Amino acid sequence: ILGAQSPRALLFEVVLVRRQLHVVSRRVRGSSRAVKKFIDDRDIASGLTAYLQDIIEHLDEVSDDCERLGGKCMALCEAYDRAVDKERDRRNRVNTGQVKKREERRKAQADLQDRILLLLVVVTTIFVPAQFLTGVFGMNFKHEDGMSAQPELVTPNGYYSFFWTPVLCYFALCLVIAACVYMCLRRRQHEEDFYVDGGAAGGGAPAPPGGGRRGGGGGGG
């Protein structure tokens, strides 16, 4: 029967039992006071003192049992509250973990899109001038006398002189610029890591080079 009930229904039953025990305890204390009055009355208690005293002892035992069971009911209610709080905290942690995982996944997707866009921009920046040269030197124009207007077609080794040489020089220049930018970013990242590590070890981040104030040789006059 207990297994078929929900925890909240069981808690309601425990609270109801505690209230009933409190009512029984009050009734027992009232009965105990009434029996004590009978004992004090000599006409009623003549020959029944021992019996009435036994009744008072049983009533005291019932009152103690009611208080003890009431304390157990209170302990059950507190245990239920602690279990509910613990379950709520667990769900909050699970929800927080799920939200954090979703944020990390969203951040990873955003970083991947940023890297893809950066790669597309770099590739476009490198190959657009080469495509422009290809389009220019790929046009087929002729003079009035019928000769081609493209110098690479009428000049010996024209493609090497007018097309491939500029293209290869351009690619070489792109590689040099990319290497310089990479070295500058790598050096800057290394300096930032050094300042962060130095600040964590020394209790404060050291000032970057050139950022400190130079001290004068003498005091202000």
C-alpha atoms as a PDB file:
ATOM      1  CA  ILE A   1       0.000   0.000   0.000  1.00  0.00           C
ATOM      2  CA  LEU A   2       2.825   2.392   0.873  1.00  0.00           C
ATOM      3  CA  GLY A   3       4.645   1.581  -2.355  1.00  0.00           C
ATOM      4  CA  ALA A   4       1.617   2.622  -4.411  1.00  0.00           C
ATOM      5  CA  GLN A   5       1.538   6.122  -2.848  1.00  0.00           C
ATOM      6  CA  SER A   6       3.625   9.069  -3.887  1.00  0.00           C
ATOM      7  CA  PRO A   7       6.176  10.607  -1.474  1.00  0.00           C
ATOM      8  CA  ARG A   8       4.042  13.739  -1.124  1.00  0.00           C
ATOM      9  CA  ALA A   9       1.003  11.621  -0.132  1.00  0.00           C
ATOM     10  CA  LEU A  10       3.120   9.766   2.425  1.00  0.00           C
ATOM     11  CA  LEU A  11       4.342  13.081   3.810  1.00  0.00           C
ATOM     12  CA  PHE A  12       0.733  14.205   4.163  1.00  0.00           C
ATOM     13  CA  GLU A  13      -0.034  10.983   6.058  1.00  0.00           C
ATOM     14  CA  VAL A  14       2.939  11.575   8.371  1.00  0.00           C
ATOM     15  CA  VAL A  15       1.825  15.150   9.086  1.00  0.00           C
ATOM     16  CA  LEU A  16      -1.710  13.929   9.790  1.00  0.00           C
ATOM     17  CA  VAL A  17      -0.418  11.242  12.167  1.00  0.00           C
ATOM     18  CA  ARG A  18       1.691  13.839  13.986  1.00  0.00           C
ATOM     19  CA  ARG A  19      -1.334  16.058  14.491  1.00  0.00           C
ATOM     20  CA  GLN A  20      -3.382  13.131  15.756  1.00  0.00           C
ATOM     21  CA  LEU A  21      -0.605  12.182  18.171  1.00  0.00           C
ATOM     22  CA  HIS A  22      -0.561  15.745  19.445  1.00  0.00           C
ATOM     23  CA  VAL A  23      -4.337  15.570  20.062  1.00  0.00           C
ATOM     24  CA  VAL A  24      -3.992  12.208  21.836  1.00  0.00           C
ATOM     25  CA  SER A  25      -1.178  13.573  23.983  1.00  0.00           C
ATOM     26  CA  ARG A  26      -3.338  16.520  25.088  1.00  0.00           C
ATOM     27  CA  ARG A  27      -6.253  14.205  25.890  1.00  0.00           C
ATOM     28  CA  VAL A  28      -3.987  11.876  27.872  1.00  0.00           C
ATOM     29  CA  ARG A  29      -2.576  14.768  29.907  1.00  0.00           C
ATOM     30  CA  GLY A  30      -6.136  15.898  30.693  1.00  0.00           C
ATOM     31  CA  SER A  31      -7.085  12.364  31.747  1.00  0.00           C
ATOM     32  CA  SER A  32      -3.973  12.170  33.922  1.00  0.00           C
ATOM     33  CA  ARG A  33      -4.915  15.406  35.706  1.00  0.00           C
ATOM     34  CA  ALA A  34      -8.459  14.051  36.281  1.00  0.00           C
ATOM     35  CA  VAL A  35      -7.137  10.813  37.802  1.00  0.00           C
ATOM     36  CA  LYS A  36      -4.812  12.793  40.079  1.00  0.00           C
ATOM     37  CA  LYS A  37      -7.838  14.709  41.365  1.00  0.00           C
ATOM     38  CA  PHE A  38      -9.543  11.386  42.101  1.00  0.00           C
ATOM     39  CA  ILE A  39      -6.506  10.323  44.104  1.00  0.00           C
ATOM     40  CA  ASP A  40      -6.589  13.544  46.116  1.00  0.00           C
ATOM     41  CA  ASP A  41     -10.270  12.905  46.974  1.00  0.00           C
ATOM     42  CA  ARG A  42     -10.233  10.523  49.948  1.00  0.00           C
ATOM     43  CA  ASP A  43     -13.872   9.447  49.519  1.00  0.00           C
ATOM     44  CA  ILE A  44     -13.338   8.297  45.932  1.00  0.00           C
ATOM     45  CA  ALA A  45      -9.778   7.023  46.306  1.00  0.00           C
ATOM     46  CA  SER A  46     -10.337   4.898  49.411  1.00  0.00           C
ATOM     47  CA  GLY A  47      -9.108   1.449  48.458  1.00  0.00           C
ATOM     48  CA  LEU A  48      -8.376   2.506  44.844  1.00  0.00           C
ATOM     49  CA  THR A  49      -5.184   4.501  45.319  1.00  0.00           C
ATOM     50  CA  ALA A  50      -2.879   1.826  43.940  1.00  0.00           C
ATOM     51  CA  TYR A  51      -5.165   1.207  40.947  1.00  0.00           C
ATOM     52  CA  LEU A  52      -5.451   4.908  40.170  1.00  0.00           C
ATOM     53  CA  GLN A  53      -1.693   5.318  40.520  1.00  0.00           C
ATOM     54  CA  ASP A  54      -1.237   2.493  38.026  1.00  0.00           C
ATOM     55  CA  ILE A  55      -3.609   4.285  35.625  1.00  0.00           C
ATOM     56  CA  ILE A  56      -1.525   7.486  35.939  1.00  0.00           C
ATOM     57  CA  GLU A  57       1.650   5.553  35.133  1.00  0.00           C
ATOM     58  CA  HIS A  58       0.047   4.056  32.025  1.00  0.00           C
ATOM     59  CA  LEU A  59      -1.201   7.472  30.951  1.00  0.00           C
ATOM     60  CA  ASP A  60       2.311   8.889  31.391  1.00  0.00           C
ATOM     61  CA  GLU A  61       3.673   6.068  29.248  1.00  0.00           C
ATOM     62  CA  VAL A  62       1.099   6.841  26.571  1.00  0.00           C
ATOM     63  CA  SER A  63       2.028  10.533  26.685  1.00  0.00           C
ATOM     64  CA  ASP A  64       5.739   9.688  26.370  1.00  0.00           C
ATOM     65  CA  ASP A  65       5.002   7.370  23.445  1.00  0.00           C
ATOM     66  CA  CYS A  66       3.008  10.116  21.741  1.00  0.00           C
ATOM     67  CA  GLU A  67       5.860  12.577  22.156  1.00  0.00           C
ATOM     68  CA  ARG A  68       8.395  10.021  20.903  1.00  0.00           C
ATOM     69  CA  LEU A  69       6.292   9.132  17.863  1.00  0.00           C
ATOM     70  CA  GLY A  70       5.663  12.834  17.224  1.00  0.00           C
ATOM     71  CA  GLY A  71       9.423  13.377  17.237  1.00  0.00           C
ATOM     72  CA  LYS A  72       9.832  10.549  14.719  1.00  0.00           C
ATOM     73  CA  CYS A  73       7.177  12.119  12.501  1.00  0.00           C
ATOM     74  CA  MET A  74       9.024  15.432  12.702  1.00  0.00           C
ATOM     75  CA  ALA A  75      12.283  13.665  11.803  1.00  0.00           C
ATOM     76  CA  LEU A  76      10.578  12.062   8.792  1.00  0.00           C
ATOM     77  CA  CYS A  77       9.313  15.460   7.629  1.00  0.00           C
ATOM     78  CA  GLU A  78      12.788  16.971   7.970  1.00  0.00           C
ATOM     79  CA  ALA A  79      14.331  14.005   6.128  1.00  0.00           C
ATOM     80  CA  TYR A  80      11.803  14.484   3.330  1.00  0.00           C
ATOM     81  CA  ASP A  81      12.647  18.191   3.120  1.00  0.00           C
ATOM     82  CA  ARG A  82      16.357  17.392   2.976  1.00  0.00           C
ATOM     83  CA  ALA A  83      15.752  14.812   0.239  1.00  0.00           C
ATOM     84  CA  VAL A  84      13.691  17.307  -1.747  1.00  0.00           C
ATOM     85  CA  ASP A  85      16.398  19.963  -1.390  1.00  0.00           C
ATOM     86  CA  LYS A  86      19.065  17.462  -2.407  1.00  0.00           C
ATOM     87  CA  GLU A  87      17.078  16.375  -5.460  1.00  0.00           C
ATOM     88  CA  ARG A  88      16.487  20.015  -6.406  1.00  0.00           C
ATOM     89  CA  ASP A  89      20.197  20.752  -6.100  1.00  0.00           C
ATOM     90  CA  ARG A  90      21.008  17.704  -8.222  1.00  0.00           C
ATOM     91  CA  ARG A  91      18.580  18.799 -10.926  1.00  0.00           C
ATOM     92  CA  ASN A  92      19.998  22.309 -10.824  1.00  0.00           C
ATOM     93  CA  ARG A  93      23.505  20.906 -11.253  1.00  0.00           C
ATOM     94  CA  VAL A  94      22.336  18.709 -14.128  1.00  0.00           C
ATOM     95  CA  ASN A  95      20.572  21.662 -15.774  1.00  0.00           C
ATOM     96  CA  THR A  96      23.634  23.848 -15.231  1.00  0.00           C
ATOM     97  CA  GLY A  97      25.847  21.166 -16.745  1.00  0.00           C
ATOM     98  CA  GLN A  98      23.550  20.798 -19.746  1.00  0.00           C
ATOM     99  CA  VAL A  99      23.450  24.559 -20.259  1.00  0.00           C
ATOM    100  CA  LYS A 100      27.237  24.705 -20.009  1.00  0.00           C
ATOM    101  CA  LYS A 101      27.593  21.858 -22.523  1.00  0.00           C
ATOM    102  CA  ARG A 102      25.202  23.592 -24.912  1.00  0.00           C
ATOM    103  CA  GLU A 103      27.153  26.836 -24.562  1.00  0.00           C
ATOM    104  CA  GLU A 104      30.447  25.027 -25.146  1.00  0.00           C
ATOM    105  CA  ARG A 105      28.992  23.256 -28.197  1.00  0.00           C
ATOM    106  CA  ARG A 106      27.620  26.556 -29.530  1.00  0.00           C
ATOM    107  CA  LYS A 107      30.972  28.228 -28.902  1.00  0.00           C
ATOM    108  CA  ALA A 108      32.787  25.395 -30.689  1.00  0.00           C
ATOM    109  CA  GLN A 109      30.442  25.729 -33.674  1.00  0.00           C
ATOM    110  CA  ALA A 110      30.963  29.499 -33.715  1.00  0.00           C
ATOM    111  CA  ASP A 111      34.754  29.033 -33.558  1.00  0.00           C
ATOM    112  CA  LEU A 112      34.575  26.501 -36.407  1.00  0.00           C
ATOM    113  CA  GLN A 113      32.532  28.915 -38.539  1.00  0.00           C
ATOM    114  CA  ASP A 114      34.984  31.716 -37.749  1.00  0.00           C
ATOM    115  CA  ARG A 115      37.925  29.538 -38.804  1.00  0.00           C
ATOM    116  CA  ILE A 116      36.135  28.506 -42.024  1.00  0.00           C
ATOM    117  CA  LEU A 117      35.318  32.140 -42.835  1.00  0.00           C
ATOM    118  CA  LEU A 118      38.908  33.158 -42.081  1.00  0.00           C
ATOM    119  CA  LEU A 119      40.204  30.429 -44.390  1.00  0.00           C
ATOM    120  CA  LEU A 120      37.809  31.502 -47.148  1.00  0.00           C
ATOM    121  CA  VAL A 121      38.841  35.147 -46.741  1.00  0.00           C
ATOM    122  CA  VAL A 122      42.543  34.247 -46.878  1.00  0.00           C
ATOM    123  CA  VAL A 123      42.100  32.030 -49.937  1.00  0.00           C
ATOM    124  CA  THR A 124      39.983  34.681 -51.659  1.00  0.00           C
ATOM    125  CA  THR A 125      42.509  37.408 -50.840  1.00  0.00           C
ATOM    126  CA  ILE A 126      45.354  35.335 -52.263  1.00  0.00           C
ATOM    127  CA  PHE A 127      43.715  34.074 -55.446  1.00  0.00           C
ATOM    128  CA  VAL A 128      41.598  37.087 -56.520  1.00  0.00           C
ATOM    129  CA  PRO A 129      44.586  38.981 -57.982  1.00  0.00           C
ATOM    130  CA  ALA A 130      45.700  35.806 -59.766  1.00  0.00           C
ATOM    131  CA  GLN A 131      42.187  35.420 -61.180  1.00  0.00           C
ATOM    132  CA  PHE A 132      42.300  39.054 -62.288  1.00  0.00           C
ATOM    133  CA  LEU A 133      45.559  38.446 -64.156  1.00  0.00           C
ATOM    134  CA  THR A 134      44.115  35.280 -65.653  1.00  0.00           C
ATOM    135  CA  GLY A 135      41.060  37.194 -66.864  1.00  0.00           C
ATOM    136  CA  VAL A 136      43.158  40.027 -68.306  1.00  0.00           C
ATOM    137  CA  PHE A 137      45.634  37.818 -70.132  1.00  0.00           C
ATOM    138  CA  GLY A 138      42.912  35.413 -71.214  1.00  0.00           C
ATOM    139  CA  MET A 139      41.113  38.005 -73.360  1.00  0.00           C
ATOM    140  CA  ASN A 140      41.543  37.568 -77.098  1.00  0.00           C
ATOM    141  CA  PHE A 141      41.855  41.027 -78.697  1.00  0.00           C
ATOM    142  CA  LYS A 142      43.427  41.791 -82.066  1.00  0.00           C
ATOM    143  CA  HIS A 143      44.782  44.871 -83.769  1.00  0.00           C
ATOM    144  CA  GLU A 144      43.468  46.170 -87.079  1.00  0.00           C
ATOM    145  CA  ASP A 145      46.212  44.324 -88.919  1.00  0.00           C
ATOM    146  CA  GLY A 146      45.066  41.016 -87.431  1.00  0.00           C
ATOM    147  CA  MET A 147      47.869  40.539 -84.891  1.00  0.00           C
ATOM    148  CA  SER A 148      47.019  39.655 -81.302  1.00  0.00           C
ATOM    149  CA  ALA A 149      46.922  42.457 -78.783  1.00  0.00           C
ATOM    150  CA  GLN A 150      48.164  40.168 -76.019  1.00  0.00           C
ATOM    151  CA  PRO A 151      51.908  40.587 -75.510  1.00  0.00           C
ATOM    152  CA  GLU A 152      52.376  37.065 -74.205  1.00  0.00           C
ATOM    153  CA  LEU A 153      51.177  35.669 -77.534  1.00  0.00           C
ATOM    154  CA  VAL A 154      53.567  37.603 -79.757  1.00  0.00           C
ATOM    155  CA  THR A 155      56.592  37.755 -77.437  1.00  0.00           C
ATOM    156  CA  PRO A 156      58.925  34.756 -77.030  1.00  0.00           C
ATOM    157  CA  ASN A 157      58.343  33.199 -73.612  1.00  0.00           C
ATOM    158  CA  GLY A 158      55.573  35.730 -73.164  1.00  0.00           C
ATOM    159  CA  TYR A 159      53.609  33.732 -70.658  1.00  0.00           C
ATOM    160  CA  TYR A 160      56.685  33.350 -68.434  1.00  0.00           C
ATOM    161  CA  SER A 161      57.470  37.057 -68.657  1.00  0.00           C
ATOM    162  CA  PHE A 162      54.025  38.618 -68.454  1.00  0.00           C
ATOM    163  CA  PHE A 163      51.950  36.057 -66.525  1.00  0.00           C
ATOM    164  CA  TRP A 164      53.861  33.491 -64.517  1.00  0.00           C
ATOM    165  CA  THR A 165      56.551  35.846 -63.265  1.00  0.00           C
ATOM    166  CA  PRO A 166      54.055  38.332 -61.697  1.00  0.00           C
ATOM    167  CA  VAL A 167      51.942  35.494 -60.341  1.00  0.00           C
ATOM    168  CA  LEU A 168      54.897  33.726 -58.726  1.00  0.00           C
ATOM    169  CA  CYS A 169      56.207  37.014 -57.305  1.00  0.00           C
ATOM    170  CA  TYR A 170      52.776  37.740 -55.907  1.00  0.00           C
ATOM    171  CA  PHE A 171      52.543  34.312 -54.249  1.00  0.00           C
ATOM    172  CA  ALA A 172      56.044  34.715 -52.831  1.00  0.00           C
ATOM    173  CA  LEU A 173      55.086  38.127 -51.424  1.00  0.00           C
ATOM    174  CA  CYS A 174      51.932  36.608 -49.886  1.00  0.00           C
ATOM    175  CA  LEU A 175      53.981  33.880 -48.237  1.00  0.00           C
ATOM    176  CA  VAL A 176      56.442  36.414 -46.799  1.00  0.00           C
ATOM    177  CA  ILE A 177      53.622  38.608 -45.450  1.00  0.00           C
ATOM    178  CA  ALA A 178      51.834  35.575 -43.985  1.00  0.00           C
ATOM    179  CA  ALA A 179      55.057  34.403 -42.296  1.00  0.00           C
ATOM    180  CA  CYS A 180      55.657  37.886 -40.815  1.00  0.00           C
ATOM    181  CA  VAL A 181      52.101  38.117 -39.509  1.00  0.00           C
ATOM    182  CA  TYR A 182      52.340  34.631 -38.022  1.00  0.00           C
ATOM    183  CA  MET A 183      55.634  35.419 -36.283  1.00  0.00           C
ATOM    184  CA  CYS A 184      54.234  38.689 -34.872  1.00  0.00           C
ATOM    185  CA  LEU A 185      51.112  36.972 -33.532  1.00  0.00           C
ATOM    186  CA  ARG A 186      53.195  34.116 -32.105  1.00  0.00           C
ATOM    187  CA  ARG A 187      55.523  36.558 -30.349  1.00  0.00           C
ATOM    188  CA  ARG A 188      52.613  38.556 -28.953  1.00  0.00           C
ATOM    189  CA  GLN A 189      50.927  35.395 -27.642  1.00  0.00           C
ATOM    190  CA  HIS A 190      54.201  34.292 -26.060  1.00  0.00           C
ATOM    191  CA  GLU A 191      54.602  37.660 -24.324  1.00  0.00           C
ATOM    192  CA  GLU A 192      51.019  37.552 -22.994  1.00  0.00           C
ATOM    193  CA  ASP A 193      51.533  34.030 -21.641  1.00  0.00           C
ATOM    194  CA  PHE A 194      54.771  35.145 -20.002  1.00  0.00           C
ATOM    195  CA  TYR A 195      53.074  38.109 -18.282  1.00  0.00           C
ATOM    196  CA  VAL A 196      50.174  35.946 -17.110  1.00  0.00           C
ATOM    197  CA  ASP A 197      52.490  33.250 -15.734  1.00  0.00           C
ATOM    198  CA  GLY A 198      54.686  35.866 -14.073  1.00  0.00           C
ATOM    199  CA  GLY A 199      51.665  37.550 -12.467  1.00  0.00           C
ATOM    200  CA  ALA A 200      50.308  34.234 -11.170  1.00  0.00           C
ATOM    201  CA  ALA A 201      53.680  33.308  -9.654  1.00  0.00           C
ATOM    202  CA  GLY A 202      54.500  36.733  -8.184  1.00  0.00           C
ATOM    203  CA  GLY A 203      51.032  37.765  -7.030  1.00  0.00           C
ATOM    204  CA  GLY A 204      50.630  40.445  -9.656  1.00  0.00           C
ATOM    205  CA  ALA A 205      51.028  40.758 -13.410  1.00  0.00           C
ATOM    206  CA  PRO A 206      54.320  42.474 -14.317  1.00  0.00           C
ATOM    207  CA  ALA A 207      54.122  45.611 -16.401  1.00  0.00           C
ATOM    208  CA  PRO A 208      54.742  45.054 -20.136  1.00  0.00           C
ATOM    209  CA  PRO A 209      57.981  46.454 -21.538  1.00  0.00           C
ATOM    210  CA  GLY A 210      57.757  50.144 -22.233  1.00  0.00           C
ATOM    211  CA  GLY A 211      54.551  50.522 -20.228  1.00  0.00           C
ATOM    212  CA  GLY A 212      56.178  51.565 -16.943  1.00  0.00           C
ATOM    213  CA  ARG A 213      56.877  55.178 -15.962  1.00  0.00           C
ATOM    214  CA  ARG A 214      60.494  56.202 -15.987  1.00  0.00           C
ATOM    215  CA  GLY A 215      61.734  57.669 -12.758  1.00  0.00           C
ATOM    216  CA  GLY A 216      63.424  61.051 -12.705  1.00  0.00           C
ATOM    217  CA  GLY A 217      66.908  61.590 -11.451  1.00  0.00           C
ATOM    218  CA  GLY A 218      65.936  63.959  -8.649  1.00  0.00           C
ATOM    219  CA  GLY A 219      62.951  65.141  -6.645  1.00  0.00           C
ATOM    220  CA  GLY A 220      60.590  67.862  -7.815  1.00  0.00           C
ATOM    221  CA  GLY A 221      61.841  71.318  -7.062  1.00  0.00           C
END
